[in-house]
Amino acid sequence: MPFSAAEMAAFDLREGDILLIEGGATVGRPGFMFDSAPDIAFQKTVNRLRVGRQTESRFVYWSMLRLYESAYYANHYGSVSFVHLTGEKLREIELHLPSLDEQRAIATHLDDQAAKVDSLIAETERFIELSRERRAALITSAVTGQIDVREPAA
């Protein structure tokens, strides 16, 4: 979708921005911009958080992820049919911000630990896929008679 120069300047995406889904089943789910995205802008189904110099953006990302995973939005902004995380509602959220050094230390620790967990998840997923392949091969071998599965009577 084309954006004017003024819109592009207002809705640009930069390294360190935090994006939050505005509504639906994943309302409040955050994403993190590790790199700037020149000539790409966001629209109204997403909220963008851009922190100041006295705040560590990764710390804010992890804080927002905690809110998302604890069902904060659904519980706090309960709705009959559809929860919306508007910019106004987002501005009402209070985050505990320790010193900048502590924010950085916490964010670095969480990044490191999450990377380890993600690695274990990926390894487990590879093992599950391999197990499924071996199971399918075993079944194929058994039903095509390539292996004898009859046990001798005792």
N, C-alpha and C. Protein backbone atom coordinates (compact mmCIF):
# COMPACT_ATOMS: atom_id res chain seq x y z
N MET A 1 0.85 -1.17 0.00
CA MET A 1 0.00 0.00 0.00
C MET A 1 0.90 1.23 0.00
N PRO A 2 0.62 2.17 -0.87
CA PRO A 2 1.47 3.36 -0.92
C PRO A 2 1.21 4.31 0.24
N PHE A 3 2.28 4.92 0.72
CA PHE A 3 2.21 5.93 1.78
C PHE A 3 2.82 7.22 1.25
N SER A 4 2.26 8.33 1.67
CA SER A 4 2.86 9.62 1.32
C SER A 4 4.14 9.79 2.14
N ALA A 5 4.94 10.77 1.77
CA ALA A 5 6.18 11.03 2.52
C ALA A 5 5.87 11.37 3.97
N ALA A 6 4.82 12.14 4.20
CA ALA A 6 4.44 12.50 5.58
C ALA A 6 3.98 11.28 6.35
N GLU A 7 3.20 10.41 5.71
CA GLU A 7 2.75 9.18 6.37
C GLU A 7 3.93 8.26 6.66
N MET A 8 4.84 8.16 5.70
CA MET A 8 6.02 7.31 5.90
C MET A 8 6.85 7.81 7.08
N ALA A 9 6.98 9.10 7.22
CA ALA A 9 7.74 9.66 8.34
C ALA A 9 7.03 9.39 9.67
N ALA A 10 5.71 9.41 9.67
CA ALA A 10 4.95 9.19 10.91
C ALA A 10 4.84 7.72 11.28
N PHE A 11 4.80 6.83 10.29
CA PHE A 11 4.53 5.41 10.53
C PHE A 11 5.69 4.50 10.16
N ASP A 12 6.89 5.04 10.16
CA ASP A 12 8.07 4.24 9.81
C ASP A 12 8.39 3.23 10.90
N LEU A 13 9.19 2.25 10.55
CA LEU A 13 9.61 1.20 11.49
C LEU A 13 11.12 1.24 11.63
N ARG A 14 11.56 1.40 12.88
CA ARG A 14 12.99 1.53 13.15
C ARG A 14 13.47 0.43 14.09
N GLU A 15 14.76 0.22 14.03
CA GLU A 15 15.40 -0.71 14.96
C GLU A 15 15.00 -0.33 16.38
N GLY A 16 14.58 -1.32 17.15
CA GLY A 16 14.19 -1.09 18.54
C GLY A 16 12.71 -0.82 18.74
N ASP A 17 11.95 -0.64 17.65
CA ASP A 17 10.51 -0.47 17.81
C ASP A 17 9.88 -1.77 18.29
N ILE A 18 8.82 -1.62 19.04
CA ILE A 18 8.04 -2.76 19.52
C ILE A 18 6.67 -2.63 18.87
N LEU A 19 6.22 -3.70 18.24
CA LEU A 19 4.92 -3.71 17.58
C LEU A 19 3.97 -4.59 18.38
N LEU A 20 2.75 -4.13 18.55
CA LEU A 20 1.75 -4.90 19.29
C LEU A 20 0.49 -5.03 18.45
N ILE A 21 -0.04 -6.23 18.38
CA ILE A 21 -1.27 -6.49 17.64
C ILE A 21 -2.41 -5.80 18.36
N GLU A 22 -3.23 -5.09 17.60
CA GLU A 22 -4.29 -4.27 18.20
C GLU A 22 -5.52 -5.07 18.61
N GLY A 23 -5.86 -6.13 17.91
CA GLY A 23 -7.09 -6.83 18.25
C GLY A 23 -7.08 -8.28 17.81
N GLY A 24 -8.12 -8.98 18.18
CA GLY A 24 -8.27 -10.37 17.77
C GLY A 24 -7.76 -11.34 18.82
N ALA A 25 -7.58 -12.57 18.39
CA ALA A 25 -7.19 -13.64 19.31
C ALA A 25 -5.81 -13.42 19.90
N THR A 26 -4.95 -12.67 19.22
CA THR A 26 -3.59 -12.45 19.72
C THR A 26 -3.38 -10.99 20.12
N VAL A 27 -4.44 -10.35 20.60
CA VAL A 27 -4.36 -8.94 20.99
C VAL A 27 -3.21 -8.72 21.98
N GLY A 28 -2.39 -7.72 21.70
CA GLY A 28 -1.28 -7.38 22.58
C GLY A 28 -0.02 -8.17 22.35
N ARG A 29 -0.03 -9.14 21.44
CA ARG A 29 1.19 -9.93 21.21
C ARG A 29 2.25 -9.01 20.62
N PRO A 30 3.42 -8.96 21.27
CA PRO A 30 4.45 -8.04 20.79
C PRO A 30 5.41 -8.68 19.79
N GLY A 31 5.97 -7.83 18.96
CA GLY A 31 7.06 -8.20 18.08
C GLY A 31 8.15 -7.15 18.23
N PHE A 32 9.35 -7.49 17.86
CA PHE A 32 10.47 -6.58 18.06
C PHE A 32 11.19 -6.35 16.74
N MET A 33 11.49 -5.11 16.44
CA MET A 33 12.24 -4.76 15.23
C MET A 33 13.74 -4.77 15.55
N PHE A 34 14.43 -5.80 15.10
CA PHE A 34 15.87 -5.88 15.32
C PHE A 34 16.62 -4.95 14.37
N ASP A 35 16.01 -4.65 13.23
CA ASP A 35 16.61 -3.76 12.24
C ASP A 35 15.55 -2.77 11.77
N SER A 36 15.99 -1.64 11.29
CA SER A 36 15.07 -0.69 10.67
C SER A 36 14.54 -1.29 9.37
N ALA A 37 13.37 -0.83 8.97
CA ALA A 37 12.76 -1.32 7.73
C ALA A 37 12.46 -0.11 6.84
N PRO A 38 13.47 0.36 6.12
CA PRO A 38 13.27 1.55 5.28
C PRO A 38 12.15 1.33 4.27
N ASP A 39 11.35 2.36 4.07
CA ASP A 39 10.27 2.35 3.09
C ASP A 39 9.14 1.38 3.44
N ILE A 40 9.08 0.93 4.69
CA ILE A 40 7.97 0.09 5.16
C ILE A 40 7.33 0.80 6.34
N ALA A 41 6.00 0.84 6.34
CA ALA A 41 5.26 1.51 7.41
C ALA A 41 4.21 0.56 7.95
N PHE A 42 3.66 0.91 9.10
CA PHE A 42 2.63 0.06 9.70
C PHE A 42 1.27 0.75 9.58
N GLN A 43 0.21 -0.06 9.75
CA GLN A 43 -1.15 0.46 9.65
C GLN A 43 -1.88 0.31 10.96
N LYS A 44 -3.17 0.54 10.91
CA LYS A 44 -3.97 0.66 12.11
C LYS A 44 -4.23 -0.65 12.87
N THR A 45 -3.89 -1.80 12.36
CA THR A 45 -4.10 -3.04 13.12
C THR A 45 -2.92 -3.34 14.04
N VAL A 46 -1.96 -2.43 14.05
CA VAL A 46 -0.75 -2.61 14.85
C VAL A 46 -0.47 -1.33 15.62
N ASN A 47 -0.03 -1.47 16.85
CA ASN A 47 0.46 -0.33 17.62
C ASN A 47 1.99 -0.40 17.63
N ARG A 48 2.62 0.74 17.56
CA ARG A 48 4.08 0.80 17.62
C ARG A 48 4.48 1.53 18.89
N LEU A 49 5.39 0.90 19.64
CA LEU A 49 6.00 1.55 20.80
C LEU A 49 7.43 1.92 20.43
N ARG A 50 7.78 3.16 20.70
CA ARG A 50 9.14 3.61 20.48
C ARG A 50 9.58 4.25 21.78
N VAL A 51 10.57 3.65 22.43
CA VAL A 51 10.98 4.10 23.76
C VAL A 51 12.00 5.22 23.67
N GLY A 52 12.16 5.93 24.77
CA GLY A 52 13.14 7.01 24.84
C GLY A 52 14.52 6.50 25.22
N ARG A 53 15.45 7.44 25.36
CA ARG A 53 16.84 7.08 25.64
C ARG A 53 17.06 6.50 27.02
N GLN A 54 16.16 6.75 27.97
CA GLN A 54 16.32 6.24 29.32
C GLN A 54 15.60 4.91 29.53
N THR A 55 15.23 4.27 28.42
CA THR A 55 14.52 3.00 28.50
C THR A 55 15.15 2.03 27.51
N GLU A 56 15.31 0.79 27.93
CA GLU A 56 15.85 -0.27 27.08
C GLU A 56 14.68 -0.93 26.35
N SER A 57 14.67 -0.86 25.03
CA SER A 57 13.53 -1.37 24.27
C SER A 57 13.34 -2.88 24.44
N ARG A 58 14.41 -3.64 24.58
CA ARG A 58 14.25 -5.09 24.79
C ARG A 58 13.58 -5.36 26.14
N PHE A 59 13.87 -4.56 27.15
CA PHE A 59 13.21 -4.71 28.44
C PHE A 59 11.71 -4.46 28.29
N VAL A 60 11.35 -3.41 27.55
CA VAL A 60 9.93 -3.11 27.34
C VAL A 60 9.27 -4.25 26.55
N TYR A 61 9.98 -4.77 25.54
CA TYR A 61 9.45 -5.91 24.78
C TYR A 61 9.13 -7.07 25.72
N TRP A 62 10.09 -7.43 26.58
CA TRP A 62 9.86 -8.56 27.49
C TRP A 62 8.72 -8.25 28.45
N SER A 63 8.59 -7.02 28.88
CA SER A 63 7.49 -6.63 29.77
C SER A 63 6.15 -6.78 29.06
N MET A 64 6.10 -6.36 27.81
CA MET A 64 4.86 -6.47 27.04
C MET A 64 4.53 -7.94 26.74
N LEU A 65 5.55 -8.74 26.52
CA LEU A 65 5.32 -10.17 26.30
C LEU A 65 4.74 -10.81 27.56
N ARG A 66 5.24 -10.41 28.72
CA ARG A 66 4.68 -10.93 29.97
C ARG A 66 3.21 -10.59 30.09
N LEU A 67 2.85 -9.36 29.75
CA LEU A 67 1.44 -8.97 29.80
C LEU A 67 0.61 -9.82 28.84
N TYR A 68 1.11 -10.01 27.64
CA TYR A 68 0.40 -10.82 26.65
C TYR A 68 0.21 -12.25 27.15
N GLU A 69 1.29 -12.86 27.62
CA GLU A 69 1.23 -14.27 28.04
C GLU A 69 0.42 -14.48 29.31
N SER A 70 0.20 -13.43 30.08
CA SER A 70 -0.62 -13.55 31.30
C SER A 70 -2.08 -13.19 31.04
N ALA A 71 -2.47 -13.02 29.77
CA ALA A 71 -3.84 -12.67 29.37
C ALA A 71 -4.29 -11.34 29.97
N TYR A 72 -3.34 -10.44 30.17
CA TYR A 72 -3.63 -9.13 30.75
C TYR A 72 -4.70 -8.39 29.96
N TYR A 73 -4.55 -8.36 28.66
CA TYR A 73 -5.45 -7.55 27.83
C TYR A 73 -6.88 -8.07 27.89
N ALA A 74 -7.05 -9.37 27.76
CA ALA A 74 -8.40 -9.94 27.82
C ALA A 74 -9.02 -9.72 29.20
N ASN A 75 -8.21 -9.84 30.25
CA ASN A 75 -8.74 -9.66 31.61
C ASN A 75 -8.98 -8.19 31.94
N HIS A 76 -8.10 -7.32 31.49
CA HIS A 76 -8.18 -5.90 31.84
C HIS A 76 -9.15 -5.13 30.95
N TYR A 77 -9.23 -5.53 29.70
CA TYR A 77 -10.08 -4.83 28.75
C TYR A 77 -11.17 -5.75 28.23
N GLY A 78 -11.73 -6.56 29.12
CA GLY A 78 -12.73 -7.53 28.73
C GLY A 78 -13.76 -6.95 27.78
N SER A 79 -14.20 -7.76 26.86
CA SER A 79 -15.14 -7.32 25.84
C SER A 79 -16.11 -8.44 25.56
N VAL A 80 -17.28 -8.07 25.09
CA VAL A 80 -18.28 -9.08 24.75
C VAL A 80 -17.81 -9.92 23.57
N SER A 81 -17.19 -9.27 22.58
CA SER A 81 -16.82 -10.04 21.40
C SER A 81 -15.36 -9.87 20.96
N PHE A 82 -14.80 -8.68 21.07
CA PHE A 82 -13.51 -8.42 20.46
C PHE A 82 -12.74 -7.41 21.29
N VAL A 83 -11.60 -7.80 21.81
CA VAL A 83 -10.77 -6.89 22.61
C VAL A 83 -9.89 -6.07 21.67
N HIS A 84 -9.88 -4.77 21.87
CA HIS A 84 -9.03 -3.88 21.09
C HIS A 84 -8.01 -3.23 22.02
N LEU A 85 -6.77 -3.24 21.62
CA LEU A 85 -5.73 -2.53 22.35
C LEU A 85 -5.46 -1.24 21.59
N THR A 86 -6.23 -0.24 21.88
CA THR A 86 -6.07 1.05 21.21
C THR A 86 -4.85 1.77 21.76
N GLY A 87 -4.42 2.80 21.06
CA GLY A 87 -3.31 3.62 21.54
C GLY A 87 -3.61 4.22 22.90
N GLU A 88 -4.86 4.61 23.12
CA GLU A 88 -5.25 5.19 24.41
C GLU A 88 -5.10 4.17 25.53
N LYS A 89 -5.56 2.95 25.28
CA LYS A 89 -5.42 1.89 26.29
C LYS A 89 -3.96 1.56 26.53
N LEU A 90 -3.19 1.53 25.48
CA LEU A 90 -1.77 1.22 25.60
C LEU A 90 -1.06 2.26 26.46
N ARG A 91 -1.41 3.53 26.30
CA ARG A 91 -0.79 4.59 27.10
C ARG A 91 -1.15 4.49 28.57
N GLU A 92 -2.24 3.82 28.93
CA GLU A 92 -2.65 3.66 30.33
C GLU A 92 -1.84 2.60 31.07
N ILE A 93 -1.15 1.73 30.35
CA ILE A 93 -0.41 0.64 30.97
C ILE A 93 0.83 1.19 31.66
N GLU A 94 0.97 0.86 32.93
CA GLU A 94 2.14 1.30 33.69
C GLU A 94 3.13 0.15 33.79
N LEU A 95 4.35 0.43 33.41
CA LEU A 95 5.41 -0.56 33.52
C LEU A 95 6.38 -0.13 34.61
N HIS A 96 6.85 -1.10 35.38
CA HIS A 96 7.90 -0.84 36.37
C HIS A 96 9.22 -0.77 35.61
N LEU A 97 9.89 0.35 35.67
CA LEU A 97 11.16 0.52 34.96
C LEU A 97 12.29 0.73 35.96
N PRO A 98 13.07 -0.30 36.20
CA PRO A 98 14.25 -0.11 37.05
C PRO A 98 15.27 0.76 36.33
N SER A 99 16.42 0.94 36.91
CA SER A 99 17.45 1.77 36.28
C SER A 99 17.78 1.21 34.89
N LEU A 100 18.33 2.07 34.04
CA LEU A 100 18.66 1.66 32.68
C LEU A 100 19.64 0.49 32.68
N ASP A 101 20.64 0.52 33.57
CA ASP A 101 21.60 -0.58 33.64
C ASP A 101 20.90 -1.88 34.01
N GLU A 102 19.96 -1.82 34.95
CA GLU A 102 19.23 -3.03 35.35
C GLU A 102 18.31 -3.50 34.23
N GLN A 103 17.68 -2.58 33.53
CA GLN A 103 16.85 -2.96 32.38
C GLN A 103 17.68 -3.72 31.36
N ARG A 104 18.86 -3.20 31.07
CA ARG A 104 19.74 -3.85 30.09
C ARG A 104 20.17 -5.23 30.56
N ALA A 105 20.51 -5.34 31.84
CA ALA A 105 20.94 -6.64 32.38
C ALA A 105 19.80 -7.65 32.32
N ILE A 106 18.60 -7.24 32.68
CA ILE A 106 17.45 -8.13 32.64
C ILE A 106 17.16 -8.55 31.20
N ALA A 107 17.15 -7.59 30.27
CA ALA A 107 16.86 -7.89 28.87
C ALA A 107 17.91 -8.84 28.29
N THR A 108 19.18 -8.61 28.60
CA THR A 108 20.25 -9.49 28.10
C THR A 108 20.08 -10.89 28.65
N HIS A 109 19.78 -11.00 29.94
CA HIS A 109 19.56 -12.32 30.55
C HIS A 109 18.39 -13.04 29.88
N LEU A 110 17.28 -12.34 29.69
CA LEU A 110 16.12 -12.96 29.06
C LEU A 110 16.40 -13.34 27.61
N ASP A 111 17.12 -12.49 26.87
CA ASP A 111 17.49 -12.82 25.50
C ASP A 111 18.31 -14.11 25.46
N ASP A 112 19.30 -14.21 26.36
CA ASP A 112 20.18 -15.38 26.40
C ASP A 112 19.39 -16.65 26.77
N GLN A 113 18.58 -16.55 27.80
CA GLN A 113 17.82 -17.72 28.24
C GLN A 113 16.78 -18.13 27.20
N ALA A 114 16.12 -17.16 26.59
CA ALA A 114 15.12 -17.48 25.56
C ALA A 114 15.79 -18.14 24.35
N ALA A 115 17.00 -17.71 24.00
CA ALA A 115 17.72 -18.33 22.89
C ALA A 115 18.01 -19.79 23.19
N LYS A 116 18.37 -20.09 24.44
CA LYS A 116 18.62 -21.49 24.82
C LYS A 116 17.35 -22.31 24.74
N VAL A 117 16.25 -21.76 25.23
CA VAL A 117 14.97 -22.47 25.18
C VAL A 117 14.55 -22.67 23.73
N ASP A 118 14.69 -21.63 22.90
CA ASP A 118 14.33 -21.74 21.49
C ASP A 118 15.15 -22.82 20.80
N SER A 119 16.42 -22.92 21.15
CA SER A 119 17.28 -23.96 20.58
C SER A 119 16.79 -25.35 20.98
N LEU A 120 16.41 -25.52 22.23
CA LEU A 120 15.88 -26.80 22.70
C LEU A 120 14.56 -27.14 22.01
N ILE A 121 13.72 -26.14 21.81
CA ILE A 121 12.45 -26.37 21.12
C ILE A 121 12.72 -26.82 19.68
N ALA A 122 13.64 -26.15 19.00
CA ALA A 122 13.96 -26.52 17.61
C ALA A 122 14.51 -27.93 17.54
N GLU A 123 15.38 -28.29 18.48
CA GLU A 123 15.94 -29.64 18.51
C GLU A 123 14.84 -30.67 18.76
N THR A 124 13.93 -30.37 19.66
CA THR A 124 12.82 -31.27 19.95
C THR A 124 11.92 -31.43 18.74
N GLU A 125 11.66 -30.33 18.04
CA GLU A 125 10.82 -30.40 16.84
C GLU A 125 11.48 -31.26 15.76
N ARG A 126 12.81 -31.14 15.62
CA ARG A 126 13.52 -31.99 14.65
C ARG A 126 13.41 -33.46 15.05
N PHE A 127 13.54 -33.74 16.35
CA PHE A 127 13.43 -35.12 16.83
C PHE A 127 12.02 -35.67 16.57
N ILE A 128 11.01 -34.87 16.82
CA ILE A 128 9.63 -35.30 16.59
C ILE A 128 9.42 -35.60 15.10
N GLU A 129 9.91 -34.73 14.22
CA GLU A 129 9.76 -34.96 12.78
C GLU A 129 10.48 -36.23 12.36
N LEU A 130 11.69 -36.44 12.86
CA LEU A 130 12.43 -37.67 12.55
C LEU A 130 11.68 -38.89 13.06
N SER A 131 11.12 -38.82 14.25
CA SER A 131 10.35 -39.93 14.82
C SER A 131 9.13 -40.23 13.96
N ARG A 132 8.46 -39.20 13.47
CA ARG A 132 7.29 -39.40 12.59
C ARG A 132 7.71 -40.10 11.29
N GLU A 133 8.85 -39.66 10.74
CA GLU A 133 9.35 -40.29 9.52
C GLU A 133 9.66 -41.76 9.76
N ARG A 134 10.31 -42.07 10.87
CA ARG A 134 10.65 -43.46 11.18
C ARG A 134 9.39 -44.29 11.42
N ARG A 135 8.41 -43.70 12.08
CA ARG A 135 7.13 -44.39 12.32
C ARG A 135 6.46 -44.71 10.99
N ALA A 136 6.41 -43.74 10.10
CA ALA A 136 5.78 -43.96 8.80
C ALA A 136 6.53 -45.04 8.01
N ALA A 137 7.85 -45.02 8.05
CA ALA A 137 8.64 -46.03 7.35
C ALA A 137 8.40 -47.41 7.94
N LEU A 138 8.30 -47.51 9.25
CA LEU A 138 8.01 -48.79 9.90
C LEU A 138 6.65 -49.32 9.48
N ILE A 139 5.65 -48.46 9.48
CA ILE A 139 4.31 -48.89 9.08
C ILE A 139 4.31 -49.36 7.62
N THR A 140 4.97 -48.58 6.75
CA THR A 140 5.04 -48.96 5.34
C THR A 140 5.73 -50.30 5.18
N SER A 141 6.82 -50.50 5.87
CA SER A 141 7.55 -51.76 5.79
C SER A 141 6.70 -52.93 6.27
N ALA A 142 5.95 -52.72 7.34
CA ALA A 142 5.13 -53.79 7.90
C ALA A 142 3.96 -54.14 6.98
N VAL A 143 3.27 -53.15 6.44
CA VAL A 143 2.08 -53.44 5.63
C VAL A 143 2.43 -53.89 4.21
N THR A 144 3.64 -53.63 3.75
CA THR A 144 4.05 -54.08 2.42
C THR A 144 4.81 -55.40 2.48
N GLY A 145 4.97 -55.95 3.69
CA GLY A 145 5.63 -57.24 3.83
C GLY A 145 7.14 -57.18 3.77
N GLN A 146 7.72 -56.02 3.84
CA GLN A 146 9.18 -55.89 3.80
C GLN A 146 9.82 -56.38 5.09
N ILE A 147 9.05 -56.36 6.18
CA ILE A 147 9.53 -56.92 7.44
C ILE A 147 8.46 -57.91 7.94
N ASP A 148 8.92 -58.94 8.60
CA ASP A 148 8.01 -59.95 9.15
C ASP A 148 7.71 -59.57 10.59
N VAL A 149 6.46 -59.26 10.82
CA VAL A 149 6.07 -58.83 12.18
C VAL A 149 5.39 -59.94 12.95
N ARG A 150 5.26 -61.14 12.33
CA ARG A 150 4.62 -62.25 13.03
C ARG A 150 5.58 -62.81 14.08
N GLU A 151 5.04 -63.00 15.25
CA GLU A 151 5.84 -63.58 16.30
C GLU A 151 5.57 -65.08 16.33
N PRO A 152 6.61 -65.86 16.55
CA PRO A 152 6.39 -67.31 16.66
C PRO A 152 5.59 -67.62 17.92
N ALA A 153 4.68 -68.56 17.81
CA ALA A 153 3.87 -68.95 18.96
C ALA A 153 4.75 -69.59 20.01
N ALA A 154 4.50 -69.25 21.25
CA ALA A 154 5.33 -69.78 22.33
C ALA A 154 4.80 -71.06 22.87
